[in-house]
PDB file of N, CA and C in Angstrom:
ATOM      1  N   MET A   1       6.982  21.039  -4.264  1.00  0.00           N
ATOM      2  CA  MET A   1       6.459  20.114  -5.266  1.00  0.00           C
ATOM      3  C   MET A   1       5.297  19.340  -4.660  1.00  0.00           C
ATOM      4  N   ASP A   2       4.159  19.965  -4.541  1.00  0.00           N
ATOM      5  CA  ASP A   2       2.980  19.324  -3.970  1.00  0.00           C
ATOM      6  C   ASP A   2       2.241  18.543  -5.042  1.00  0.00           C
ATOM      7  N   ALA A   3       1.671  17.409  -4.625  1.00  0.00           N
ATOM      8  CA  ALA A   3       0.884  16.611  -5.554  1.00  0.00           C
ATOM      9  C   ALA A   3      -0.473  17.280  -5.750  1.00  0.00           C
ATOM     10  N   PRO A   4      -0.958  17.282  -6.985  1.00  0.00           N
ATOM     11  CA  PRO A   4      -2.310  17.819  -7.184  1.00  0.00           C
ATOM     12  C   PRO A   4      -3.312  17.027  -6.360  1.00  0.00           C
ATOM     13  N   SER A   5      -4.381  17.680  -5.951  1.00  0.00           N
ATOM     14  CA  SER A   5      -5.331  17.053  -5.038  1.00  0.00           C
ATOM     15  C   SER A   5      -6.070  15.866  -5.665  1.00  0.00           C
ATOM     16  N   ASN A   6      -6.025  15.725  -6.992  1.00  0.00           N
ATOM     17  CA  ASN A   6      -6.728  14.612  -7.618  1.00  0.00           C
ATOM     18  C   ASN A   6      -5.873  13.352  -7.692  1.00  0.00           C
ATOM     19  N   LYS A   7      -4.682  13.388  -7.146  1.00  0.00           N
ATOM     20  CA  LYS A   7      -3.809  12.212  -7.139  1.00  0.00           C
ATOM     21  C   LYS A   7      -3.859  11.522  -5.774  1.00  0.00           C
ATOM     22  N   VAL A   8      -3.639  10.197  -5.789  1.00  0.00           N
ATOM     23  CA  VAL A   8      -3.565   9.474  -4.514  1.00  0.00           C
ATOM     24  C   VAL A   8      -2.139   9.471  -3.977  1.00  0.00           C
ATOM     25  N   THR A   9      -1.160   9.634  -4.867  1.00  0.00           N
ATOM     26  CA  THR A   9       0.232   9.621  -4.426  1.00  0.00           C
ATOM     27  C   THR A   9       0.671  11.014  -3.993  1.00  0.00           C
ATOM     28  N   ASP A  10       1.636  11.031  -3.103  1.00  0.00           N
ATOM     29  CA  ASP A  10       2.210  12.278  -2.613  1.00  0.00           C
ATOM     30  C   ASP A  10       3.675  11.983  -2.310  1.00  0.00           C
ATOM     31  N   LEU A  11       4.557  12.545  -3.099  1.00  0.00           N
ATOM     32  CA  LEU A  11       5.985  12.246  -2.972  1.00  0.00           C
ATOM     33  C   LEU A  11       6.716  13.210  -2.036  1.00  0.00           C
ATOM     34  N   SER A  12       5.988  14.063  -1.326  1.00  0.00           N
ATOM     35  CA  SER A  12       6.649  15.075  -0.495  1.00  0.00           C
ATOM     36  C   SER A  12       7.538  14.444   0.583  1.00  0.00           C
ATOM     37  N   TYR A  13       7.109  13.357   1.200  1.00  0.00           N
ATOM     38  CA  TYR A  13       7.933  12.672   2.216  1.00  0.00           C
ATOM     39  C   TYR A  13       9.212  12.144   1.575  1.00  0.00           C
ATOM     40  N   LEU A  14       9.074  11.504   0.436  1.00  0.00           N
ATOM     41  CA  LEU A  14      10.218  10.939  -0.269  1.00  0.00           C
ATOM     42  C   LEU A  14      11.192  12.041  -0.695  1.00  0.00           C
ATOM     43  N   ILE A  15      10.670  13.128  -1.177  1.00  0.00           N
ATOM     44  CA  ILE A  15      11.504  14.258  -1.581  1.00  0.00           C
ATOM     45  C   ILE A  15      12.233  14.830  -0.361  1.00  0.00           C
ATOM     46  N   ALA A  16      11.531  14.924   0.758  1.00  0.00           N
ATOM     47  CA  ALA A  16      12.132  15.476   1.978  1.00  0.00           C
ATOM     48  C   ALA A  16      13.258  14.586   2.507  1.00  0.00           C
ATOM     49  N   ILE A  17      13.007  13.279   2.618  1.00  0.00           N
ATOM     50  CA  ILE A  17      14.047  12.406   3.199  1.00  0.00           C
ATOM     51  C   ILE A  17      15.233  12.230   2.262  1.00  0.00           C
ATOM     52  N   SER A  18      15.021  12.426   0.965  1.00  0.00           N
ATOM     53  CA  SER A  18      16.112  12.262  -0.002  1.00  0.00           C
ATOM     54  C   SER A  18      16.787  13.590  -0.326  1.00  0.00           C
ATOM     55  N   LYS A  19      16.253  14.687   0.247  1.00  0.00           N
ATOM     56  CA  LYS A  19      16.741  16.036  -0.055  1.00  0.00           C
ATOM     57  C   LYS A  19      16.702  16.291  -1.563  1.00  0.00           C
ATOM     58  N   GLY A  20      15.656  15.748  -2.214  1.00  0.00           N
ATOM     59  CA  GLY A  20      15.460  15.976  -3.635  1.00  0.00           C
ATOM     60  C   GLY A  20      16.343  15.149  -4.562  1.00  0.00           C
ATOM     61  N   ASN A  21      17.017  14.136  -4.028  1.00  0.00           N
ATOM     62  CA  ASN A  21      17.899  13.291  -4.838  1.00  0.00           C
ATOM     63  C   ASN A  21      17.053  12.457  -5.811  1.00  0.00           C
ATOM     64  N   LYS A  22      17.081  12.845  -7.095  1.00  0.00           N
ATOM     65  CA  LYS A  22      16.226  12.211  -8.088  1.00  0.00           C
ATOM     66  C   LYS A  22      16.509  10.723  -8.244  1.00  0.00           C
ATOM     67  N   ALA A  23      17.764  10.315  -8.201  1.00  0.00           N
ATOM     68  CA  ALA A  23      18.102   8.894  -8.341  1.00  0.00           C
ATOM     69  C   ALA A  23      17.488   8.080  -7.200  1.00  0.00           C
ATOM     70  N   PHE A  24      17.573   8.606  -5.978  1.00  0.00           N
ATOM     71  CA  PHE A  24      16.991   7.913  -4.821  1.00  0.00           C
ATOM     72  C   PHE A  24      15.471   7.862  -4.943  1.00  0.00           C
ATOM     73  N   ILE A  25      14.866   8.982  -5.325  1.00  0.00           N
ATOM     74  CA  ILE A  25      13.408   9.036  -5.487  1.00  0.00           C
ATOM     75  C   ILE A  25      12.966   8.009  -6.529  1.00  0.00           C
ATOM     76  N   ASP A  26      13.648   7.987  -7.668  1.00  0.00           N
ATOM     77  CA  ASP A  26      13.307   7.027  -8.724  1.00  0.00           C
ATOM     78  C   ASP A  26      13.470   5.587  -8.249  1.00  0.00           C
ATOM     79  N   GLU A  27      14.523   5.330  -7.468  1.00  0.00           N
ATOM     80  CA  GLU A  27      14.752   3.976  -6.938  1.00  0.00           C
ATOM     81  C   GLU A  27      13.623   3.555  -5.989  1.00  0.00           C
ATOM     82  N   MET A  28      13.206   4.459  -5.118  1.00  0.00           N
ATOM     83  CA  MET A  28      12.132   4.133  -4.180  1.00  0.00           C
ATOM     84  C   MET A  28      10.805   3.915  -4.919  1.00  0.00           C
ATOM     85  N   ILE A  29      10.557   4.707  -5.943  1.00  0.00           N
ATOM     86  CA  ILE A  29       9.348   4.511  -6.747  1.00  0.00           C
ATOM     87  C   ILE A  29       9.414   3.160  -7.454  1.00  0.00           C
ATOM     88  N   ASP A  30      10.588   2.816  -8.001  1.00  0.00           N
ATOM     89  CA  ASP A  30      10.747   1.512  -8.657  1.00  0.00           C
ATOM     90  C   ASP A  30      10.499   0.366  -7.685  1.00  0.00           C
ATOM     91  N   ILE A  31      10.990   0.519  -6.450  1.00  0.00           N
ATOM     92  CA  ILE A  31      10.754  -0.517  -5.433  1.00  0.00           C
ATOM     93  C   ILE A  31       9.257  -0.647  -5.167  1.00  0.00           C
ATOM     94  N   PHE A  32       8.576   0.480  -5.010  1.00  0.00           N
ATOM     95  CA  PHE A  32       7.131   0.439  -4.798  1.00  0.00           C
ATOM     96  C   PHE A  32       6.443  -0.248  -5.979  1.00  0.00           C
ATOM     97  N   LEU A  33       6.813   0.129  -7.197  1.00  0.00           N
ATOM     98  CA  LEU A  33       6.166  -0.424  -8.392  1.00  0.00           C
ATOM     99  C   LEU A  33       6.411  -1.917  -8.555  1.00  0.00           C
ATOM    100  N   SER A  34       7.522  -2.428  -8.050  1.00  0.00           N
ATOM    101  CA  SER A  34       7.766  -3.864  -8.146  1.00  0.00           C
ATOM    102  C   SER A  34       7.209  -4.626  -6.947  1.00  0.00           C
ATOM    103  N   GLU A  35       7.279  -4.032  -5.757  1.00  0.00           N
ATOM    104  CA  GLU A  35       6.837  -4.718  -4.535  1.00  0.00           C
ATOM    105  C   GLU A  35       5.326  -4.685  -4.329  1.00  0.00           C
ATOM    106  N   ASN A  36       4.716  -3.530  -4.573  1.00  0.00           N
ATOM    107  CA  ASN A  36       3.306  -3.375  -4.229  1.00  0.00           C
ATOM    108  C   ASN A  36       2.381  -4.350  -4.955  1.00  0.00           C
ATOM    109  N   PRO A  37       2.520  -4.557  -6.266  1.00  0.00           N
ATOM    110  CA  PRO A  37       1.630  -5.533  -6.913  1.00  0.00           C
ATOM    111  C   PRO A  37       1.775  -6.942  -6.326  1.00  0.00           C
ATOM    112  N   LEU A  38       2.999  -7.312  -5.974  1.00  0.00           N
ATOM    113  CA  LEU A  38       3.222  -8.618  -5.350  1.00  0.00           C
ATOM    114  C   LEU A  38       2.579  -8.664  -3.968  1.00  0.00           C
ATOM    115  N   GLU A  39       2.726  -7.604  -3.193  1.00  0.00           N
ATOM    116  CA  GLU A  39       2.114  -7.547  -1.856  1.00  0.00           C
ATOM    117  C   GLU A  39       0.589  -7.642  -1.959  1.00  0.00           C
ATOM    118  N   ILE A  40       0.013  -6.940  -2.928  1.00  0.00           N
ATOM    119  CA  ILE A  40      -1.437  -6.993  -3.143  1.00  0.00           C
ATOM    120  C   ILE A  40      -1.858  -8.419  -3.486  1.00  0.00           C
ATOM    121  N   GLU A  41      -1.115  -9.053  -4.376  1.00  0.00           N
ATOM    122  CA  GLU A  41      -1.433 -10.427  -4.795  1.00  0.00           C
ATOM    123  C   GLU A  41      -1.355 -11.395  -3.616  1.00  0.00           C
ATOM    124  N   LEU A  42      -0.315 -11.280  -2.808  1.00  0.00           N
ATOM    125  CA  LEU A  42      -0.157 -12.171  -1.655  1.00  0.00           C
ATOM    126  C   LEU A  42      -1.266 -11.948  -0.622  1.00  0.00           C
ATOM    127  N   LEU A  43      -1.595 -10.690  -0.364  1.00  0.00           N
ATOM    128  CA  LEU A  43      -2.658 -10.386   0.591  1.00  0.00           C
ATOM    129  C   LEU A  43      -3.997 -10.890   0.072  1.00  0.00           C
ATOM    130  N   GLU A  44      -4.248 -10.693  -1.207  1.00  0.00           N
ATOM    131  CA  GLU A  44      -5.507 -11.155  -1.801  1.00  0.00           C
ATOM    132  C   GLU A  44      -5.634 -12.677  -1.704  1.00  0.00           C
ATOM    133  N   SER A  45      -4.542 -13.399  -1.987  1.00  0.00           N
ATOM    134  CA  SER A  45      -4.559 -14.869  -1.878  1.00  0.00           C
ATOM    135  C   SER A  45      -4.813 -15.315  -0.450  1.00  0.00           C
ATOM    136  N   ALA A  46      -4.154 -14.657   0.502  1.00  0.00           N
ATOM    137  CA  ALA A  46      -4.344 -15.018   1.913  1.00  0.00           C
ATOM    138  C   ALA A  46      -5.796 -14.798   2.331  1.00  0.00           C
ATOM    139  N   ILE A  47      -6.403 -13.704   1.854  1.00  0.00           N
ATOM    140  CA  ILE A  47      -7.804 -13.432   2.187  1.00  0.00           C
ATOM    141  C   ILE A  47      -8.706 -14.500   1.582  1.00  0.00           C
ATOM    142  N   GLU A  48      -8.457 -14.840   0.324  1.00  0.00           N
ATOM    143  CA  GLU A  48      -9.270 -15.871  -0.341  1.00  0.00           C
ATOM    144  C   GLU A  48      -9.175 -17.222   0.370  1.00  0.00           C
ATOM    145  N   GLU A  49      -7.988 -17.523   0.903  1.00  0.00           N
ATOM    146  CA  GLU A  49      -7.758 -18.812   1.570  1.00  0.00           C
ATOM    147  C   GLU A  49      -8.077 -18.764   3.067  1.00  0.00           C
ATOM    148  N   LEU A  50      -8.525 -17.605   3.554  1.00  0.00           N
ATOM    149  CA  LEU A  50      -8.770 -17.395   4.991  1.00  0.00           C
ATOM    150  C   LEU A  50      -7.537 -17.759   5.818  1.00  0.00           C
ATOM    151  N   ASP A  51      -6.373 -17.414   5.282  1.00  0.00           N
ATOM    152  CA  ASP A  51      -5.092 -17.619   5.960  1.00  0.00           C
ATOM    153  C   ASP A  51      -4.844 -16.389   6.830  1.00  0.00           C
ATOM    154  N   TYR A  52      -5.373 -16.418   8.057  1.00  0.00           N
ATOM    155  CA  TYR A  52      -5.339 -15.242   8.916  1.00  0.00           C
ATOM    156  C   TYR A  52      -3.922 -14.814   9.284  1.00  0.00           C
ATOM    157  N   GLU A  53      -3.018 -15.777   9.489  1.00  0.00           N
ATOM    158  CA  GLU A  53      -1.621 -15.418   9.777  1.00  0.00           C
ATOM    159  C   GLU A  53      -0.999 -14.730   8.568  1.00  0.00           C
ATOM    160  N   GLY A  54      -1.284 -15.230   7.376  1.00  0.00           N
ATOM    161  CA  GLY A  54      -0.796 -14.604   6.148  1.00  0.00           C
ATOM    162  C   GLY A  54      -1.385 -13.221   5.957  1.00  0.00           C
ATOM    163  N   ILE A  55      -2.677 -13.090   6.234  1.00  0.00           N
ATOM    164  CA  ILE A  55      -3.336 -11.785   6.111  1.00  0.00           C
ATOM    165  C   ILE A  55      -2.620 -10.763   7.002  1.00  0.00           C
ATOM    166  N   LYS A  56      -2.387 -11.151   8.259  1.00  0.00           N
ATOM    167  CA  LYS A  56      -1.698 -10.247   9.190  1.00  0.00           C
ATOM    168  C   LYS A  56      -0.305  -9.886   8.675  1.00  0.00           C
ATOM    169  N   ALA A  57       0.438 -10.888   8.239  1.00  0.00           N
ATOM    170  CA  ALA A  57       1.815 -10.670   7.799  1.00  0.00           C
ATOM    171  C   ALA A  57       1.885  -9.773   6.564  1.00  0.00           C
ATOM    172  N   TYR A  58       1.038 -10.034   5.578  1.00  0.00           N
ATOM    173  CA  TYR A  58       1.102  -9.259   4.343  1.00  0.00           C
ATOM    174  C   TYR A  58       0.568  -7.841   4.531  1.00  0.00           C
ATOM    175  N   ALA A  59      -0.460  -7.680   5.339  1.00  0.00           N
ATOM    176  CA  ALA A  59      -0.974  -6.335   5.627  1.00  0.00           C
ATOM    177  C   ALA A  59       0.102  -5.531   6.353  1.00  0.00           C
ATOM    178  N   HIS A  60       0.795  -6.177   7.287  1.00  0.00           N
ATOM    179  CA  HIS A  60       1.852  -5.500   8.034  1.00  0.00           C
ATOM    180  C   HIS A  60       3.007  -5.115   7.109  1.00  0.00           C
ATOM    181  N   LYS A  61       3.400  -6.024   6.239  1.00  0.00           N
ATOM    182  CA  LYS A  61       4.521  -5.775   5.328  1.00  0.00           C
ATOM    183  C   LYS A  61       4.221  -4.603   4.394  1.00  0.00           C
ATOM    184  N   MET A  62       2.978  -4.490   3.944  1.00  0.00           N
ATOM    185  CA  MET A  62       2.621  -3.398   3.035  1.00  0.00           C
ATOM    186  C   MET A  62       2.850  -2.033   3.673  1.00  0.00           C
ATOM    187  N   LYS A  63       2.728  -1.965   4.985  1.00  0.00           N
ATOM    188  CA  LYS A  63       2.872  -0.681   5.672  1.00  0.00           C
ATOM    189  C   LYS A  63       4.285  -0.119   5.552  1.00  0.00           C
ATOM    190  N   SER A  64       5.269  -0.949   5.141  1.00  0.00           N
ATOM    191  CA  SER A  64       6.643  -0.454   5.035  1.00  0.00           C
ATOM    192  C   SER A  64       6.927   0.256   3.717  1.00  0.00           C
ATOM    193  N   THR A  65       6.186  -0.032   2.663  1.00  0.00           N
ATOM    194  CA  THR A  65       6.464   0.604   1.371  1.00  0.00           C
ATOM    195  C   THR A  65       5.529   1.755   1.039  1.00  0.00           C
ATOM    196  N   ILE A  66       4.346   1.775   1.622  1.00  0.00           N
ATOM    197  CA  ILE A  66       3.365   2.796   1.223  1.00  0.00           C
ATOM    198  C   ILE A  66       3.715   4.228   1.640  1.00  0.00           C
ATOM    199  N   PRO A  67       4.463   4.464   2.740  1.00  0.00           N
ATOM    200  CA  PRO A  67       4.753   5.859   3.096  1.00  0.00           C
ATOM    201  C   PRO A  67       5.600   6.593   2.051  1.00  0.00           C
ATOM    202  N   PHE A  68       6.442   5.876   1.330  1.00  0.00           N
ATOM    203  CA  PHE A  68       7.318   6.517   0.354  1.00  0.00           C
ATOM    204  C   PHE A  68       6.543   7.248  -0.730  1.00  0.00           C
ATOM    205  N   VAL A  69       5.357   6.767  -1.032  1.00  0.00           N
ATOM    206  CA  VAL A  69       4.559   7.404  -2.091  1.00  0.00           C
ATOM    207  C   VAL A  69       3.302   8.075  -1.527  1.00  0.00           C
ATOM    208  N   GLY A  70       3.278   8.251  -0.213  1.00  0.00           N
ATOM    209  CA  GLY A  70       2.203   9.001   0.430  1.00  0.00           C
ATOM    210  C   GLY A  70       0.903   8.244   0.627  1.00  0.00           C
ATOM    211  N   LEU A  71       0.915   6.931   0.416  1.00  0.00           N
ATOM    212  CA  LEU A  71      -0.324   6.166   0.562  1.00  0.00           C
ATOM    213  C   LEU A  71      -0.675   5.863   2.015  1.00  0.00           C
ATOM    214  N   ASP A  72       0.287   6.057   2.914  1.00  0.00           N
ATOM    215  CA  ASP A  72       0.006   5.779   4.322  1.00  0.00           C
ATOM    216  C   ASP A  72      -1.163   6.620   4.826  1.00  0.00           C
ATOM    217  N   LYS A  73      -1.283   7.848   4.305  1.00  0.00           N
ATOM    218  CA  LYS A  73      -2.383   8.717   4.735  1.00  0.00           C
ATOM    219  C   LYS A  73      -3.746   8.145   4.329  1.00  0.00           C
ATOM    220  N   LEU A  74      -3.760   7.372   3.249  1.00  0.00           N
ATOM    221  CA  LEU A  74      -5.014   6.849   2.716  1.00  0.00           C
ATOM    222  C   LEU A  74      -5.347   5.437   3.172  1.00  0.00           C
ATOM    223  N   ILE A  75      -4.332   4.585   3.355  1.00  0.00           N
ATOM    224  CA  ILE A  75      -4.644   3.163   3.583  1.00  0.00           C
ATOM    225  C   ILE A  75      -4.004   2.530   4.812  1.00  0.00           C
ATOM    226  N   GLU A  76      -3.140   3.246   5.522  1.00  0.00           N
ATOM    227  CA  GLU A  76      -2.486   2.608   6.668  1.00  0.00           C
ATOM    228  C   GLU A  76      -3.496   2.177   7.741  1.00  0.00           C
ATOM    229  N   LYS A  77      -4.481   3.013   8.024  1.00  0.00           N
ATOM    230  CA  LYS A  77      -5.483   2.649   9.035  1.00  0.00           C
ATOM    231  C   LYS A  77      -6.268   1.404   8.603  1.00  0.00           C
ATOM    232  N   ASP A  78      -6.563   1.298   7.306  1.00  0.00           N
ATOM    233  CA  ASP A  78      -7.265   0.111   6.801  1.00  0.00           C
ATOM    234  C   ASP A  78      -6.403  -1.135   6.943  1.00  0.00           C
ATOM    235  N   LEU A  79      -5.110  -1.004   6.654  1.00  0.00           N
ATOM    236  CA  LEU A  79      -4.201  -2.147   6.822  1.00  0.00           C
ATOM    237  C   LEU A  79      -4.126  -2.565   8.286  1.00  0.00           C
ATOM    238  N   GLU A  80      -4.076  -1.591   9.181  1.00  0.00           N
ATOM    239  CA  GLU A  80      -4.048  -1.900  10.622  1.00  0.00           C
ATOM    240  C   GLU A  80      -5.343  -2.584  11.054  1.00  0.00           C
ATOM    241  N   GLN A  81      -6.460  -2.129  10.510  1.00  0.00           N
ATOM    242  CA  GLN A  81      -7.741  -2.758  10.850  1.00  0.00           C
ATOM    243  C   GLN A  81      -7.784  -4.199  10.334  1.00  0.00           C
ATOM    244  N   ILE A  82      -7.256  -4.429   9.145  1.00  0.00           N
ATOM    245  CA  ILE A  82      -7.187  -5.792   8.606  1.00  0.00           C
ATOM    246  C   ILE A  82      -6.340  -6.663   9.521  1.00  0.00           C
ATOM    247  N   GLU A  83      -5.209  -6.153   9.971  1.00  0.00           N
ATOM    248  CA  GLU A  83      -4.350  -6.907  10.896  1.00  0.00           C
ATOM    249  C   GLU A  83      -5.116  -7.283  12.162  1.00  0.00           C
ATOM    250  N   THR A  84      -5.815  -6.324  12.734  1.00  0.00           N
ATOM    251  CA  THR A  84      -6.579  -6.562  13.964  1.00  0.00           C
ATOM    252  C   THR A  84      -7.664  -7.601  13.733  1.00  0.00           C
ATOM    253  N   LEU A  85      -8.418  -7.454  12.659  1.00  0.00           N
ATOM    254  CA  LEU A  85      -9.501  -8.400  12.374  1.00  0.00           C
ATOM    255  C   LEU A  85      -8.960  -9.797  12.078  1.00  0.00           C
ATOM    256  N   ALA A  86      -7.817  -9.869  11.421  1.00  0.00           N
ATOM    257  CA  ALA A  86      -7.209 -11.179  11.143  1.00  0.00           C
ATOM    258  C   ALA A  86      -6.782 -11.848  12.448  1.00  0.00           C
ATOM    259  N   SER A  87      -6.340 -11.060  13.418  1.00  0.00           N
ATOM    260  CA  SER A  87      -5.978 -11.616  14.729  1.00  0.00           C
ATOM    261  C   SER A  87      -7.190 -12.240  15.403  1.00  0.00           C
ATOM    262  N   LEU A  88      -8.359 -11.643  15.170  1.00  0.00           N
ATOM    263  CA  LEU A  88      -9.598 -12.155  15.766  1.00  0.00           C
ATOM    264  C   LEU A  88     -10.179 -13.334  14.977  1.00  0.00           C
ATOM    265  N   LYS A  89      -9.631 -13.537  13.769  1.00  0.00           N
ATOM    266  CA  LYS A  89     -10.079 -14.620  12.886  1.00  0.00           C
ATOM    267  C   LYS A  89     -11.574 -14.551  12.578  1.00  0.00           C
ATOM    268  N   ASN A  90     -12.032 -13.320  12.333  1.00  0.00           N
ATOM    269  CA  ASN A  90     -13.422 -13.153  11.916  1.00  0.00           C
ATOM    270  C   ASN A  90     -13.555 -11.883  11.100  1.00  0.00           C
ATOM    271  N   GLU A  91     -14.795 -11.459  10.871  1.00  0.00           N
ATOM    272  CA  GLU A  91     -15.037 -10.235  10.114  1.00  0.00           C
ATOM    273  C   GLU A  91     -14.454 -10.311   8.703  1.00  0.00           C
ATOM    274  N   THR A  92     -14.562 -11.481   8.080  1.00  0.00           N
ATOM    275  CA  THR A  92     -14.000 -11.683   6.751  1.00  0.00           C
ATOM    276  C   THR A  92     -14.586 -10.694   5.742  1.00  0.00           C
ATOM    277  N   GLU A  93     -15.883 -10.413   5.840  1.00  0.00           N
ATOM    278  CA  GLU A  93     -16.491  -9.460   4.898  1.00  0.00           C
ATOM    279  C   GLU A  93     -15.877  -8.075   5.052  1.00  0.00           C
ATOM    280  N   THR A  94     -15.601  -7.659   6.275  1.00  0.00           N
ATOM    281  CA  THR A  94     -14.981  -6.355   6.502  1.00  0.00           C
ATOM    282  C   THR A  94     -13.561  -6.350   5.946  1.00  0.00           C
ATOM    283  N   ILE A  95     -12.829  -7.430   6.170  1.00  0.00           N
ATOM    284  CA  ILE A  95     -11.474  -7.549   5.614  1.00  0.00           C
ATOM    285  C   ILE A  95     -11.532  -7.432   4.093  1.00  0.00           C
ATOM    286  N   GLU A  96     -12.461  -8.137   3.471  1.00  0.00           N
ATOM    287  CA  GLU A  96     -12.584  -8.092   2.010  1.00  0.00           C
ATOM    288  C   GLU A  96     -12.943  -6.693   1.524  1.00  0.00           C
ATOM    289  N   ARG A  97     -13.827  -6.007   2.229  1.00  0.00           N
ATOM    290  CA  ARG A  97     -14.230  -4.649   1.843  1.00  0.00           C
ATOM    291  C   ARG A  97     -13.048  -3.688   1.960  1.00  0.00           C
ATOM    292  N   LEU A  98     -12.322  -3.769   3.080  1.00  0.00           N
ATOM    293  CA  LEU A  98     -11.157  -2.912   3.279  1.00  0.00           C
ATOM    294  C   LEU A  98     -10.092  -3.199   2.222  1.00  0.00           C
ATOM    295  N   PHE A  99      -9.879  -4.482   1.945  1.00  0.00           N
ATOM    296  CA  PHE A  99      -8.880  -4.851   0.953  1.00  0.00           C
ATOM    297  C   PHE A  99      -9.245  -4.317  -0.431  1.00  0.00           C
ATOM    298  N   ALA A 100     -10.517  -4.389  -0.796  1.00  0.00           N
ATOM    299  CA  ALA A 100     -10.946  -3.897  -2.108  1.00  0.00           C
ATOM    300  C   ALA A 100     -10.603  -2.417  -2.260  1.00  0.00           C
ATOM    301  N   GLN A 101     -10.797  -1.649  -1.209  1.00  0.00           N
ATOM    302  CA  GLN A 101     -10.465  -0.223  -1.241  1.00  0.00           C
ATOM    303  C   GLN A 101      -8.951  -0.017  -1.341  1.00  0.00           C
ATOM    304  N   ILE A 102      -8.191  -0.788  -0.574  1.00  0.00           N
ATOM    305  CA  ILE A 102      -6.725  -0.698  -0.610  1.00  0.00           C
ATOM    306  C   ILE A 102      -6.216  -1.033  -2.007  1.00  0.00           C
ATOM    307  N   LYS A 103      -6.742  -2.115  -2.578  1.00  0.00           N
ATOM    308  CA  LYS A 103      -6.300  -2.543  -3.905  1.00  0.00           C
ATOM    309  C   LYS A 103      -6.597  -1.466  -4.945  1.00  0.00           C
ATOM    310  N   LYS A 104      -7.770  -0.877  -4.865  1.00  0.00           N
ATOM    311  CA  LYS A 104      -8.165   0.172  -5.805  1.00  0.00           C
ATOM    312  C   LYS A 104      -7.189   1.349  -5.723  1.00  0.00           C
ATOM    313  N   ILE A 105      -6.878   1.794  -4.527  1.00  0.00           N
ATOM    314  CA  ILE A 105      -5.963   2.923  -4.332  1.00  0.00           C
ATOM    315  C   ILE A 105      -4.564   2.571  -4.825  1.00  0.00           C
ATOM    316  N   CYS A 106      -4.107   1.356  -4.542  1.00  0.00           N
ATOM    317  CA  CYS A 106      -2.771   0.945  -4.987  1.00  0.00           C
ATOM    318  C   CYS A 106      -2.690   0.860  -6.512  1.00  0.00           C
ATOM    319  N   LEU A 107      -3.754   0.412  -7.159  1.00  0.00           N
ATOM    320  CA  LEU A 107      -3.757   0.363  -8.628  1.00  0.00           C
ATOM    321  C   LEU A 107      -3.699   1.779  -9.212  1.00  0.00           C
ATOM    322  N   ILE A 108      -4.422   2.703  -8.620  1.00  0.00           N
ATOM    323  CA  ILE A 108      -4.367   4.099  -9.067  1.00  0.00           C
ATOM    324  C   ILE A 108      -2.952   4.649  -8.868  1.00  0.00           C
ATOM    325  N   ALA A 109      -2.361   4.364  -7.714  1.00  0.00           N
ATOM    326  CA  ALA A 109      -0.997   4.838  -7.424  1.00  0.00           C
ATOM    327  C   ALA A 109       0.000   4.289  -8.434  1.00  0.00           C
ATOM    328  N   THR A 110      -0.141   3.016  -8.762  1.00  0.00           N
ATOM    329  CA  THR A 110       0.754   2.390  -9.738  1.00  0.00           C
ATOM    330  C   THR A 110       0.653   3.099 -11.086  1.00  0.00           C
ATOM    331  N   GLU A 111      -0.569   3.405 -11.501  1.00  0.00           N
ATOM    332  CA  GLU A 111      -0.756   4.121 -12.762  1.00  0.00           C
ATOM    333  C   GLU A 111      -0.136   5.524 -12.698  1.00  0.00           C
ATOM    334  N   GLU A 112      -0.290   6.198 -11.569  1.00  0.00           N
ATOM    335  CA  GLU A 112       0.272   7.534 -11.435  1.00  0.00           C
ATOM    336  C   GLU A 112       1.794   7.526 -11.483  1.00  0.00           C
ATOM    337  N   LEU A 113       2.395   6.494 -10.921  1.00  0.00           N
ATOM    338  CA  LEU A 113       3.851   6.452 -10.778  1.00  0.00           C
ATOM    339  C   LEU A 113       4.577   5.782 -11.934  1.00  0.00           C
ATOM    340  N   ARG A 114       3.866   4.960 -12.671  1.00  0.00           N
ATOM    341  CA  ARG A 114       4.479   4.234 -13.775  1.00  0.00           C
ATOM    342  C   ARG A 114       4.890   5.224 -14.868  1.00  0.00           C
ATOM    343  N   PRO A 115       6.131   5.107 -15.364  1.00  0.00           N
ATOM    344  CA  PRO A 115       6.555   6.008 -16.446  1.00  0.00           C
ATOM    345  C   PRO A 115       5.698   5.782 -17.681  1.00  0.00           C
ATOM    346  N   HIS A 116       5.284   6.843 -18.314  1.00  0.00           N
ATOM    347  CA  HIS A 116       4.448   6.738 -19.504  1.00  0.00           C
ATOM    348  C   HIS A 116       5.255   7.017 -20.751  1.00  0.00           C
TER     349      HIS A 116
END
């Protein structure tokens, strides 16, 4: 069950670890759909407020939910870069640029995963 190449999500990891258990897969997708928008909102607020400790914490926390839907391949390196830059307490423009890309991908993923 490979994801078409035009999608940002890839459920192959989730399918593999669950051995195809649909209830578990649906539960993990539901967790992503409820957690990710909140994580995006918290990270965005921290960036706007230049709360570098918050930026680090929220970027790090996001890395725990994105692998379930295959987003780690697309945004994990950007989240790690945001964490590093927040530790340095500079490069705000780079943080904002990286975040804009992460947010865009997460919004696409949410649309792909949301039941229609």
